[in-house]
Amino acid sequence: MKLTAVHILNLTGVLTESRRIIKANYTHFVTLSLLFLPLSFPLITCPIPQLSNHLSTTDKKTIIYQIIYILIAYTFTLCAIATITYTTHHGFLGKPVSFFASLKSLTFTFFPILSTAVVASTVIFLNLLSFLMLVGSVLMLVQNIGLVIDYNSVYIMLFIGVTLIMIMIYFHVNWSLALVVVVVESKWGFGALMRSSYLMQGMRSASLLLLLYFGTFSALFMWVLRGSLHELSIRAFVFFTILGSSFMIWFLLHSTAANTVLYNYCKALHGESAIEIADQGSDHEYANLSPGDEKVSHAVTVVTT
């Protein structure tokens, strides 16, 4: 079994390996990443409206069109994640990748991915709603015993906002591999979510760092570009919209590929993959290889730091 160069199991190692895979099949990945375009375009051009003002000043037909566009963008985004994950996983294992094979994989991955995404979104929404109901109940109880509550207090809003963000980050970190599990292992729904939580044991910091890395840069990029687009001429607006959308597609592509690489590293650390692990500062030297891994012609040596 042929070994490649050593990979460092941290944020730099994950990003380096994902870039290597993308570079080796650059045209293939760029073509698949165009499926992110319906999502990236409004992220750059559309301001974030106040929901109440938006609903009161927009006619029903426009709202229906916007809902249809959101569904289309959501569908294309799931297709992009599925095909890029499929291609990245095959590239990681040293298997040949085919553009049409990646598209064909949607026939057996799209609906499981959609179901898993809906289940995860529903669970997160219910948890957020439960927290808001709990906070509301506590505030009403405090008010009923005679204390005055300032509902517009910055501290209350800050507490609620930070807690909501922490809840979403918690679920993201634990379930970040769920869609990869759907594509690679054909599990879906709660099975994929539980599998992701298991694989993330001991690697949650890596998932959090990936979230902060891509989330921070993409958020700053959108904030800067959105703030200046409305001041530009038509030609400049078109140019910077295309440029901004291209950068957003780049972020989404690399984020998806990095997540797939992280999945393979997590499997290796759990002794489930044909990846040799030199774990510095540990009593054991190599992970166990699962049955049938002798068919894999590619392996990666991973050094943890």
C-alpha atoms as a PDB file:
ATOM      1  CA  MET A   1       0.000   0.000   0.000  1.00  0.00           C
ATOM      2  CA  LYS A   2       1.552   3.280  -1.092  1.00  0.00           C
ATOM      3  CA  LEU A   3       1.893   6.096   1.415  1.00  0.00           C
ATOM      4  CA  THR A   4       1.819   9.770   0.535  1.00  0.00           C
ATOM      5  CA  ALA A   5       3.493  12.617   2.375  1.00  0.00           C
ATOM      6  CA  VAL A   6       2.772  13.194   6.039  1.00  0.00           C
ATOM      7  CA  HIS A   7      -0.257  15.357   6.854  1.00  0.00           C
ATOM      8  CA  ILE A   8      -0.606  17.379  10.028  1.00  0.00           C
ATOM      9  CA  LEU A   9      -3.938  16.822  11.742  1.00  0.00           C
ATOM     10  CA  ASN A  10      -4.952  20.401  12.494  1.00  0.00           C
ATOM     11  CA  LEU A  11      -6.613  23.264  10.634  1.00  0.00           C
ATOM     12  CA  THR A  12      -3.582  23.807   8.394  1.00  0.00           C
ATOM     13  CA  GLY A  13      -3.404  20.106   7.542  1.00  0.00           C
ATOM     14  CA  VAL A  14      -7.095  19.873   6.645  1.00  0.00           C
ATOM     15  CA  LEU A  15      -6.920  22.984   4.467  1.00  0.00           C
ATOM     16  CA  THR A  16      -3.718  21.846   2.775  1.00  0.00           C
ATOM     17  CA  GLU A  17      -5.137  18.430   1.906  1.00  0.00           C
ATOM     18  CA  SER A  18      -8.408  19.876   0.618  1.00  0.00           C
ATOM     19  CA  ARG A  19      -6.525  22.365  -1.570  1.00  0.00           C
ATOM     20  CA  ARG A  20      -4.370  19.532  -2.929  1.00  0.00           C
ATOM     21  CA  ILE A  21      -7.437  17.536  -3.942  1.00  0.00           C
ATOM     22  CA  ILE A  22      -9.118  20.549  -5.554  1.00  0.00           C
ATOM     23  CA  LYS A  23      -5.950  21.478  -7.445  1.00  0.00           C
ATOM     24  CA  ALA A  24      -5.601  17.930  -8.782  1.00  0.00           C
ATOM     25  CA  ASN A  25      -9.116  18.092 -10.275  1.00  0.00           C
ATOM     26  CA  TYR A  26      -9.492  21.844 -10.629  1.00  0.00           C
ATOM     27  CA  THR A  27     -11.798  22.022 -13.670  1.00  0.00           C
ATOM     28  CA  HIS A  28     -14.013  19.309 -12.231  1.00  0.00           C
ATOM     29  CA  PHE A  29     -14.448  21.130  -8.908  1.00  0.00           C
ATOM     30  CA  VAL A  30     -14.935  24.557 -10.473  1.00  0.00           C
ATOM     31  CA  THR A  31     -17.736  23.182 -12.645  1.00  0.00           C
ATOM     32  CA  LEU A  32     -19.471  21.523  -9.707  1.00  0.00           C
ATOM     33  CA  SER A  33     -19.074  24.632  -7.555  1.00  0.00           C
ATOM     34  CA  LEU A  34     -21.200  26.619 -10.011  1.00  0.00           C
ATOM     35  CA  LEU A  35     -24.156  24.928  -8.335  1.00  0.00           C
ATOM     36  CA  PHE A  36     -23.476  27.335  -5.446  1.00  0.00           C
ATOM     37  CA  LEU A  37     -24.208  30.329  -7.696  1.00  0.00           C
ATOM     38  CA  PRO A  38     -27.943  30.695  -6.801  1.00  0.00           C
ATOM     39  CA  LEU A  39     -26.871  30.953  -3.154  1.00  0.00           C
ATOM     40  CA  SER A  40     -23.784  33.141  -3.547  1.00  0.00           C
ATOM     41  CA  PHE A  41     -25.442  35.779  -5.756  1.00  0.00           C
ATOM     42  CA  PRO A  42     -28.059  37.000  -3.216  1.00  0.00           C
ATOM     43  CA  LEU A  43     -25.532  36.726  -0.383  1.00  0.00           C
ATOM     44  CA  ILE A  44     -23.532  39.435  -2.144  1.00  0.00           C
ATOM     45  CA  THR A  45     -26.230  41.644  -3.627  1.00  0.00           C
ATOM     46  CA  CYS A  46     -29.251  41.458  -1.314  1.00  0.00           C
ATOM     47  CA  PRO A  47     -29.328  43.531   1.865  1.00  0.00           C
ATOM     48  CA  ILE A  48     -30.734  41.969   5.025  1.00  0.00           C
ATOM     49  CA  PRO A  49     -34.223  43.496   5.415  1.00  0.00           C
ATOM     50  CA  GLN A  50     -36.218  43.977   8.558  1.00  0.00           C
ATOM     51  CA  LEU A  51     -38.761  41.147   8.384  1.00  0.00           C
ATOM     52  CA  SER A  52     -41.736  43.203   9.565  1.00  0.00           C
ATOM     53  CA  ASN A  53     -41.015  46.067   7.137  1.00  0.00           C
ATOM     54  CA  HIS A  54     -40.294  43.596   4.353  1.00  0.00           C
ATOM     55  CA  LEU A  55     -43.634  41.807   4.721  1.00  0.00           C
ATOM     56  CA  SER A  56     -45.592  45.044   4.984  1.00  0.00           C
ATOM     57  CA  THR A  57     -44.042  46.701   1.902  1.00  0.00           C
ATOM     58  CA  THR A  58     -43.802  43.682  -0.426  1.00  0.00           C
ATOM     59  CA  ASP A  59     -46.755  42.313  -2.383  1.00  0.00           C
ATOM     60  CA  LYS A  60     -47.716  38.650  -2.114  1.00  0.00           C
ATOM     61  CA  LYS A  61     -46.599  37.787  -5.649  1.00  0.00           C
ATOM     62  CA  THR A  62     -43.077  39.059  -4.964  1.00  0.00           C
ATOM     63  CA  ILE A  63     -42.934  37.089  -1.707  1.00  0.00           C
ATOM     64  CA  ILE A  64     -43.991  33.933  -3.576  1.00  0.00           C
ATOM     65  CA  TYR A  65     -41.246  34.496  -6.162  1.00  0.00           C
ATOM     66  CA  GLN A  66     -38.709  34.980  -3.373  1.00  0.00           C
ATOM     67  CA  ILE A  67     -39.805  31.763  -1.665  1.00  0.00           C
ATOM     68  CA  ILE A  68     -39.480  29.876  -4.969  1.00  0.00           C
ATOM     69  CA  TYR A  69     -35.986  31.307  -5.469  1.00  0.00           C
ATOM     70  CA  ILE A  70     -34.982  30.293  -1.936  1.00  0.00           C
ATOM     71  CA  LEU A  71     -36.157  26.728  -2.598  1.00  0.00           C
ATOM     72  CA  ILE A  72     -34.228  26.640  -5.883  1.00  0.00           C
ATOM     73  CA  ALA A  73     -31.072  27.997  -4.237  1.00  0.00           C
ATOM     74  CA  TYR A  74     -31.458  25.504  -1.383  1.00  0.00           C
ATOM     75  CA  THR A  75     -31.833  22.613  -3.836  1.00  0.00           C
ATOM     76  CA  PHE A  76     -28.803  23.637  -5.881  1.00  0.00           C
ATOM     77  CA  THR A  77     -26.752  24.103  -2.710  1.00  0.00           C
ATOM     78  CA  LEU A  78     -27.543  20.579  -1.530  1.00  0.00           C
ATOM     79  CA  CYS A  79     -26.612  19.256  -4.979  1.00  0.00           C
ATOM     80  CA  ALA A  80     -23.306  21.124  -4.816  1.00  0.00           C
ATOM     81  CA  ILE A  81     -22.514  19.763  -1.358  1.00  0.00           C
ATOM     82  CA  ALA A  82     -23.395  16.202  -2.404  1.00  0.00           C
ATOM     83  CA  THR A  83     -21.341  16.178  -5.616  1.00  0.00           C
ATOM     84  CA  ILE A  84     -18.318  18.009  -4.178  1.00  0.00           C
ATOM     85  CA  THR A  85     -18.316  15.717  -1.137  1.00  0.00           C
ATOM     86  CA  TYR A  86     -18.507  12.655  -3.383  1.00  0.00           C
ATOM     87  CA  THR A  87     -15.624  13.897  -5.537  1.00  0.00           C
ATOM     88  CA  THR A  88     -13.454  15.008  -2.603  1.00  0.00           C
ATOM     89  CA  HIS A  89     -13.852  11.676  -0.830  1.00  0.00           C
ATOM     90  CA  HIS A  90     -12.805   9.762  -3.941  1.00  0.00           C
ATOM     91  CA  GLY A  91      -9.889  12.141  -4.492  1.00  0.00           C
ATOM     92  CA  PHE A  92      -8.773  11.711  -0.890  1.00  0.00           C
ATOM     93  CA  LEU A  93      -8.649   7.938  -1.322  1.00  0.00           C
ATOM     94  CA  GLY A  94      -6.724   8.279  -4.583  1.00  0.00           C
ATOM     95  CA  LYS A  95      -9.593   6.949  -6.680  1.00  0.00           C
ATOM     96  CA  PRO A  96     -10.313   8.355 -10.152  1.00  0.00           C
ATOM     97  CA  VAL A  97     -12.988  11.025 -10.224  1.00  0.00           C
ATOM     98  CA  SER A  98     -15.493  11.582 -12.986  1.00  0.00           C
ATOM     99  CA  PHE A  99     -17.715  14.610 -13.479  1.00  0.00           C
ATOM    100  CA  PHE A 100     -20.633  12.517 -14.709  1.00  0.00           C
ATOM    101  CA  ALA A 101     -20.172   9.999 -11.911  1.00  0.00           C
ATOM    102  CA  SER A 102     -20.421  12.863  -9.422  1.00  0.00           C
ATOM    103  CA  LEU A 103     -23.668  14.064 -10.992  1.00  0.00           C
ATOM    104  CA  LYS A 104     -24.981  10.516 -11.140  1.00  0.00           C
ATOM    105  CA  SER A 105     -24.372  10.155  -7.402  1.00  0.00           C
ATOM    106  CA  LEU A 106     -27.230  12.626  -6.862  1.00  0.00           C
ATOM    107  CA  THR A 107     -29.704   9.889  -7.804  1.00  0.00           C
ATOM    108  CA  PHE A 108     -29.004   8.125  -4.523  1.00  0.00           C
ATOM    109  CA  THR A 109     -27.748  10.980  -2.298  1.00  0.00           C
ATOM    110  CA  PHE A 110     -30.035  13.963  -2.919  1.00  0.00           C
ATOM    111  CA  PHE A 111     -33.171  12.859  -1.077  1.00  0.00           C
ATOM    112  CA  PRO A 112     -31.226  11.401   1.898  1.00  0.00           C
ATOM    113  CA  ILE A 113     -29.277  14.679   2.138  1.00  0.00           C
ATOM    114  CA  LEU A 114     -32.489  16.698   1.897  1.00  0.00           C
ATOM    115  CA  SER A 115     -34.128  14.577   4.596  1.00  0.00           C
ATOM    116  CA  THR A 116     -31.099  14.889   6.877  1.00  0.00           C
ATOM    117  CA  ALA A 117     -30.919  18.654   6.387  1.00  0.00           C
ATOM    118  CA  VAL A 118     -34.640  19.011   7.171  1.00  0.00           C
ATOM    119  CA  VAL A 119     -34.330  16.847  10.299  1.00  0.00           C
ATOM    120  CA  ALA A 120     -31.289  18.797  11.530  1.00  0.00           C
ATOM    121  CA  SER A 121     -32.928  22.168  10.837  1.00  0.00           C
ATOM    122  CA  THR A 122     -36.094  21.081  12.627  1.00  0.00           C
ATOM    123  CA  VAL A 123     -34.208  19.915  15.717  1.00  0.00           C
ATOM    124  CA  ILE A 124     -32.164  23.126  15.865  1.00  0.00           C
ATOM    125  CA  PHE A 125     -35.280  25.271  15.390  1.00  0.00           C
ATOM    126  CA  LEU A 126     -37.130  23.442  18.173  1.00  0.00           C
ATOM    127  CA  ASN A 127     -34.177  23.898  20.531  1.00  0.00           C
ATOM    128  CA  LEU A 128     -33.953  27.608  19.747  1.00  0.00           C
ATOM    129  CA  LEU A 129     -37.698  27.971  20.204  1.00  0.00           C
ATOM    130  CA  SER A 130     -37.563  26.094  23.517  1.00  0.00           C
ATOM    131  CA  PHE A 131     -34.849  28.421  24.778  1.00  0.00           C
ATOM    132  CA  LEU A 132     -36.826  31.527  23.791  1.00  0.00           C
ATOM    133  CA  MET A 133     -39.928  30.142  25.504  1.00  0.00           C
ATOM    134  CA  LEU A 134     -37.876  29.412  28.624  1.00  0.00           C
ATOM    135  CA  VAL A 135     -36.472  32.948  28.689  1.00  0.00           C
ATOM    136  CA  GLY A 136     -39.938  34.384  28.147  1.00  0.00           C
ATOM    137  CA  SER A 137     -41.367  32.298  30.987  1.00  0.00           C
ATOM    138  CA  VAL A 138     -38.598  33.368  33.373  1.00  0.00           C
ATOM    139  CA  LEU A 139     -39.078  37.049  32.514  1.00  0.00           C
ATOM    140  CA  MET A 140     -42.843  36.795  33.030  1.00  0.00           C
ATOM    141  CA  LEU A 141     -42.309  35.045  36.360  1.00  0.00           C
ATOM    142  CA  VAL A 142     -39.888  37.729  37.510  1.00  0.00           C
ATOM    143  CA  GLN A 143     -42.320  40.434  36.437  1.00  0.00           C
ATOM    144  CA  ASN A 144     -45.210  38.744  38.275  1.00  0.00           C
ATOM    145  CA  ILE A 145     -43.335  38.866  41.580  1.00  0.00           C
ATOM    146  CA  GLY A 146     -43.098  42.642  41.306  1.00  0.00           C
ATOM    147  CA  LEU A 147     -39.777  43.293  39.618  1.00  0.00           C
ATOM    148  CA  VAL A 148     -39.594  45.716  36.698  1.00  0.00           C
ATOM    149  CA  ILE A 149     -38.167  44.252  33.501  1.00  0.00           C
ATOM    150  CA  ASP A 150     -36.762  46.407  30.714  1.00  0.00           C
ATOM    151  CA  TYR A 151     -37.336  44.222  27.660  1.00  0.00           C
ATOM    152  CA  ASN A 152     -35.275  46.608  25.534  1.00  0.00           C
ATOM    153  CA  SER A 153     -32.243  46.198  27.791  1.00  0.00           C
ATOM    154  CA  VAL A 154     -28.996  45.719  25.876  1.00  0.00           C
ATOM    155  CA  TYR A 155     -27.889  43.076  28.384  1.00  0.00           C
ATOM    156  CA  ILE A 156     -31.029  40.966  27.885  1.00  0.00           C
ATOM    157  CA  MET A 157     -30.737  41.184  24.103  1.00  0.00           C
ATOM    158  CA  LEU A 158     -27.026  40.395  24.262  1.00  0.00           C
ATOM    159  CA  PHE A 159     -27.612  37.379  26.495  1.00  0.00           C
ATOM    160  CA  ILE A 160     -30.330  36.028  24.221  1.00  0.00           C
ATOM    161  CA  GLY A 161     -28.315  36.655  21.065  1.00  0.00           C
ATOM    162  CA  VAL A 162     -25.092  35.099  22.360  1.00  0.00           C
ATOM    163  CA  THR A 163     -26.943  32.060  23.728  1.00  0.00           C
ATOM    164  CA  LEU A 164     -28.755  31.478  20.437  1.00  0.00           C
ATOM    165  CA  ILE A 165     -25.446  31.668  18.573  1.00  0.00           C
ATOM    166  CA  MET A 166     -23.810  29.242  21.011  1.00  0.00           C
ATOM    167  CA  ILE A 167     -26.667  26.752  20.558  1.00  0.00           C
ATOM    168  CA  MET A 168     -26.301  26.874  16.779  1.00  0.00           C
ATOM    169  CA  ILE A 169     -22.513  26.524  16.998  1.00  0.00           C
ATOM    170  CA  TYR A 170     -22.909  23.517  19.307  1.00  0.00           C
ATOM    171  CA  PHE A 171     -25.141  21.700  16.846  1.00  0.00           C
ATOM    172  CA  HIS A 172     -22.971  22.694  13.884  1.00  0.00           C
ATOM    173  CA  VAL A 173     -19.807  21.356  15.518  1.00  0.00           C
ATOM    174  CA  ASN A 174     -21.425  18.032  16.392  1.00  0.00           C
ATOM    175  CA  TRP A 175     -23.334  17.605  13.130  1.00  0.00           C
ATOM    176  CA  SER A 176     -20.864  19.124  10.682  1.00  0.00           C
ATOM    177  CA  LEU A 177     -20.081  15.698   9.180  1.00  0.00           C
ATOM    178  CA  ALA A 178     -23.704  14.587   8.824  1.00  0.00           C
ATOM    179  CA  LEU A 179     -24.020  15.357   5.106  1.00  0.00           C
ATOM    180  CA  VAL A 180     -20.655  13.714   4.424  1.00  0.00           C
ATOM    181  CA  VAL A 181     -21.927  10.621   6.244  1.00  0.00           C
ATOM    182  CA  VAL A 182     -25.007  10.618   4.011  1.00  0.00           C
ATOM    183  CA  VAL A 183     -22.903  10.656   0.833  1.00  0.00           C
ATOM    184  CA  VAL A 184     -20.179   8.230   1.926  1.00  0.00           C
ATOM    185  CA  GLU A 185     -22.017   5.817   4.235  1.00  0.00           C
ATOM    186  CA  SER A 186     -25.577   6.007   2.864  1.00  0.00           C
ATOM    187  CA  LYS A 187     -27.001   6.846   6.281  1.00  0.00           C
ATOM    188  CA  TRP A 188     -29.529   9.613   6.663  1.00  0.00           C
ATOM    189  CA  GLY A 189     -31.749  11.401   9.160  1.00  0.00           C
ATOM    190  CA  PHE A 190     -31.029  10.873  12.838  1.00  0.00           C
ATOM    191  CA  GLY A 191     -28.656   8.045  11.943  1.00  0.00           C
ATOM    192  CA  ALA A 192     -26.376  10.436  10.058  1.00  0.00           C
ATOM    193  CA  LEU A 193     -26.577  13.032  12.854  1.00  0.00           C
ATOM    194  CA  MET A 194     -25.668  10.495  15.532  1.00  0.00           C
ATOM    195  CA  ARG A 195     -22.855   9.118  13.383  1.00  0.00           C
ATOM    196  CA  SER A 196     -21.461  12.632  12.946  1.00  0.00           C
ATOM    197  CA  SER A 197     -21.565  13.254  16.711  1.00  0.00           C
ATOM    198  CA  TYR A 198     -19.624  10.034  17.268  1.00  0.00           C
ATOM    199  CA  LEU A 199     -16.960  10.835  14.686  1.00  0.00           C
ATOM    200  CA  MET A 200     -16.505  14.351  16.078  1.00  0.00           C
ATOM    201  CA  GLN A 201     -15.469  13.050  19.494  1.00  0.00           C
ATOM    202  CA  GLY A 202     -11.995  14.417  20.072  1.00  0.00           C
ATOM    203  CA  MET A 203     -12.150  16.553  16.922  1.00  0.00           C
ATOM    204  CA  ARG A 204     -14.719  19.205  17.802  1.00  0.00           C
ATOM    205  CA  SER A 205     -12.054  21.878  18.014  1.00  0.00           C
ATOM    206  CA  ALA A 206     -11.082  21.217  14.392  1.00  0.00           C
ATOM    207  CA  SER A 207     -14.696  21.629  13.264  1.00  0.00           C
ATOM    208  CA  LEU A 208     -15.002  24.834  15.282  1.00  0.00           C
ATOM    209  CA  LEU A 209     -11.810  26.221  13.755  1.00  0.00           C
ATOM    210  CA  LEU A 210     -13.086  25.450  10.242  1.00  0.00           C
ATOM    211  CA  LEU A 211     -16.337  27.243  11.067  1.00  0.00           C
ATOM    212  CA  LEU A 212     -14.498  30.281  12.413  1.00  0.00           C
ATOM    213  CA  TYR A 213     -12.034  30.306   9.509  1.00  0.00           C
ATOM    214  CA  PHE A 214     -14.532  30.197   6.664  1.00  0.00           C
ATOM    215  CA  GLY A 215     -17.327  31.965   8.550  1.00  0.00           C
ATOM    216  CA  THR A 216     -15.199  34.934   9.599  1.00  0.00           C
ATOM    217  CA  PHE A 217     -13.656  35.571   6.198  1.00  0.00           C
ATOM    218  CA  SER A 218     -16.911  35.129   4.262  1.00  0.00           C
ATOM    219  CA  ALA A 219     -18.877  37.319   6.724  1.00  0.00           C
ATOM    220  CA  LEU A 220     -16.292  40.111   6.562  1.00  0.00           C
ATOM    221  CA  PHE A 221     -16.175  39.864   2.788  1.00  0.00           C
ATOM    222  CA  MET A 222     -19.974  40.102   2.465  1.00  0.00           C
ATOM    223  CA  TRP A 223     -20.141  42.990   4.934  1.00  0.00           C
ATOM    224  CA  VAL A 224     -17.522  45.040   3.087  1.00  0.00           C
ATOM    225  CA  LEU A 225     -18.925  44.347  -0.375  1.00  0.00           C
ATOM    226  CA  ARG A 226     -22.563  44.936   0.548  1.00  0.00           C
ATOM    227  CA  GLY A 227     -21.699  48.262   2.100  1.00  0.00           C
ATOM    228  CA  SER A 228     -20.106  49.571  -1.090  1.00  0.00           C
ATOM    229  CA  LEU A 229     -22.137  48.027  -3.930  1.00  0.00           C
ATOM    230  CA  HIS A 230     -24.982  50.571  -3.811  1.00  0.00           C
ATOM    231  CA  GLU A 231     -22.513  53.423  -4.328  1.00  0.00           C
ATOM    232  CA  LEU A 232     -21.072  52.014  -7.557  1.00  0.00           C
ATOM    233  CA  SER A 233     -21.970  52.623 -11.186  1.00  0.00           C
ATOM    234  CA  ILE A 234     -23.801  49.946 -13.169  1.00  0.00           C
ATOM    235  CA  ARG A 235     -20.630  48.553 -14.755  1.00  0.00           C
ATOM    236  CA  ALA A 236     -18.774  48.521 -11.462  1.00  0.00           C
ATOM    237  CA  PHE A 237     -21.804  46.958  -9.759  1.00  0.00           C
ATOM    238  CA  VAL A 238     -21.883  44.114 -12.294  1.00  0.00           C
ATOM    239  CA  PHE A 239     -18.120  43.601 -12.073  1.00  0.00           C
ATOM    240  CA  PHE A 240     -17.976  43.488  -8.289  1.00  0.00           C
ATOM    241  CA  THR A 241     -21.108  41.319  -8.119  1.00  0.00           C
ATOM    242  CA  ILE A 242     -19.456  38.727 -10.371  1.00  0.00           C
ATOM    243  CA  LEU A 243     -16.209  39.024  -8.429  1.00  0.00           C
ATOM    244  CA  GLY A 244     -17.979  38.749  -5.080  1.00  0.00           C
ATOM    245  CA  SER A 245     -20.050  35.768  -6.169  1.00  0.00           C
ATOM    246  CA  SER A 246     -16.884  34.046  -7.385  1.00  0.00           C
ATOM    247  CA  PHE A 247     -15.225  34.538  -4.014  1.00  0.00           C
ATOM    248  CA  MET A 248     -18.294  33.223  -2.179  1.00  0.00           C
ATOM    249  CA  ILE A 249     -18.334  30.154  -4.419  1.00  0.00           C
ATOM    250  CA  TRP A 250     -14.640  29.686  -3.603  1.00  0.00           C
ATOM    251  CA  PHE A 251     -15.371  29.825   0.139  1.00  0.00           C
ATOM    252  CA  LEU A 252     -18.242  27.338  -0.165  1.00  0.00           C
ATOM    253  CA  LEU A 253     -16.222  24.964  -2.356  1.00  0.00           C
ATOM    254  CA  HIS A 254     -13.227  24.867  -0.031  1.00  0.00           C
ATOM    255  CA  SER A 255     -15.417  24.622   3.058  1.00  0.00           C
ATOM    256  CA  THR A 256     -17.215  21.572   1.650  1.00  0.00           C
ATOM    257  CA  ALA A 257     -13.965  19.912   0.568  1.00  0.00           C
ATOM    258  CA  ALA A 258     -12.299  20.624   3.933  1.00  0.00           C
ATOM    259  CA  ASN A 259     -15.263  19.119   5.761  1.00  0.00           C
ATOM    260  CA  THR A 260     -14.918  15.932   3.708  1.00  0.00           C
ATOM    261  CA  VAL A 261     -11.211  15.719   4.493  1.00  0.00           C
ATOM    262  CA  LEU A 262     -12.022  16.209   8.182  1.00  0.00           C
ATOM    263  CA  TYR A 263     -14.467  13.292   7.964  1.00  0.00           C
ATOM    264  CA  ASN A 264     -11.719  10.993   6.682  1.00  0.00           C
ATOM    265  CA  TYR A 265      -9.338  12.119   9.404  1.00  0.00           C
ATOM    266  CA  CYS A 266     -12.005  11.509  12.062  1.00  0.00           C
ATOM    267  CA  LYS A 267     -12.553   7.983  10.722  1.00  0.00           C
ATOM    268  CA  ALA A 268      -8.816   7.378  10.884  1.00  0.00           C
ATOM    269  CA  LEU A 269      -8.633   8.517  14.490  1.00  0.00           C
ATOM    270  CA  HIS A 270     -11.468   6.115  15.336  1.00  0.00           C
ATOM    271  CA  GLY A 271      -9.599   3.251  13.684  1.00  0.00           C
ATOM    272  CA  GLU A 272     -12.084   2.837  10.845  1.00  0.00           C
ATOM    273  CA  SER A 273     -10.040   3.817   7.820  1.00  0.00           C
ATOM    274  CA  ALA A 274      -6.978   2.737   5.863  1.00  0.00           C
ATOM    275  CA  ILE A 275      -5.068   5.742   7.090  1.00  0.00           C
ATOM    276  CA  GLU A 276      -1.978   5.145   9.207  1.00  0.00           C
ATOM    277  CA  ILE A 277      -1.787   7.431  12.226  1.00  0.00           C
ATOM    278  CA  ALA A 278       1.448   8.361  13.962  1.00  0.00           C
ATOM    279  CA  ASP A 279       0.015   9.832  17.164  1.00  0.00           C
ATOM    280  CA  GLN A 280       2.786  11.758  18.915  1.00  0.00           C
ATOM    281  CA  GLY A 281       2.725  11.569  22.683  1.00  0.00           C
ATOM    282  CA  SER A 282       0.520   8.487  22.722  1.00  0.00           C
ATOM    283  CA  ASP A 283       1.087   4.881  23.723  1.00  0.00           C
ATOM    284  CA  HIS A 284      -0.307   3.502  20.479  1.00  0.00           C
ATOM    285  CA  GLU A 285       1.352   4.058  17.143  1.00  0.00           C
ATOM    286  CA  TYR A 286      -1.143   3.071  14.481  1.00  0.00           C
ATOM    287  CA  ALA A 287      -4.885   2.883  14.097  1.00  0.00           C
ATOM    288  CA  ASN A 288      -6.540  -0.424  13.272  1.00  0.00           C
ATOM    289  CA  LEU A 289      -7.527  -0.997   9.681  1.00  0.00           C
ATOM    290  CA  SER A 290     -11.073  -2.025   9.002  1.00  0.00           C
ATOM    291  CA  PRO A 291     -11.772  -5.203   6.996  1.00  0.00           C
ATOM    292  CA  GLY A 292     -11.543  -4.811   3.254  1.00  0.00           C
ATOM    293  CA  ASP A 293      -9.237  -1.804   3.387  1.00  0.00           C
ATOM    294  CA  GLU A 294      -6.585  -3.746   1.516  1.00  0.00           C
ATOM    295  CA  LYS A 295      -8.487  -2.835  -1.643  1.00  0.00           C
ATOM    296  CA  VAL A 296      -7.628   0.820  -1.139  1.00  0.00           C
ATOM    297  CA  SER A 297      -4.498   1.751  -3.033  1.00  0.00           C
ATOM    298  CA  HIS A 298      -3.979   5.087  -1.317  1.00  0.00           C
ATOM    299  CA  ALA A 299      -3.238   5.872   2.317  1.00  0.00           C
ATOM    300  CA  VAL A 300      -2.256   8.953   4.258  1.00  0.00           C
ATOM    301  CA  THR A 301       0.051   9.217   7.219  1.00  0.00           C
ATOM    302  CA  VAL A 302      -1.400  11.652   9.755  1.00  0.00           C
ATOM    303  CA  VAL A 303       0.624  13.218  12.541  1.00  0.00           C
ATOM    304  CA  THR A 304      -1.381  14.919  15.290  1.00  0.00           C
ATOM    305  CA  THR A 305      -0.043  18.022  17.004  1.00  0.00           C
END
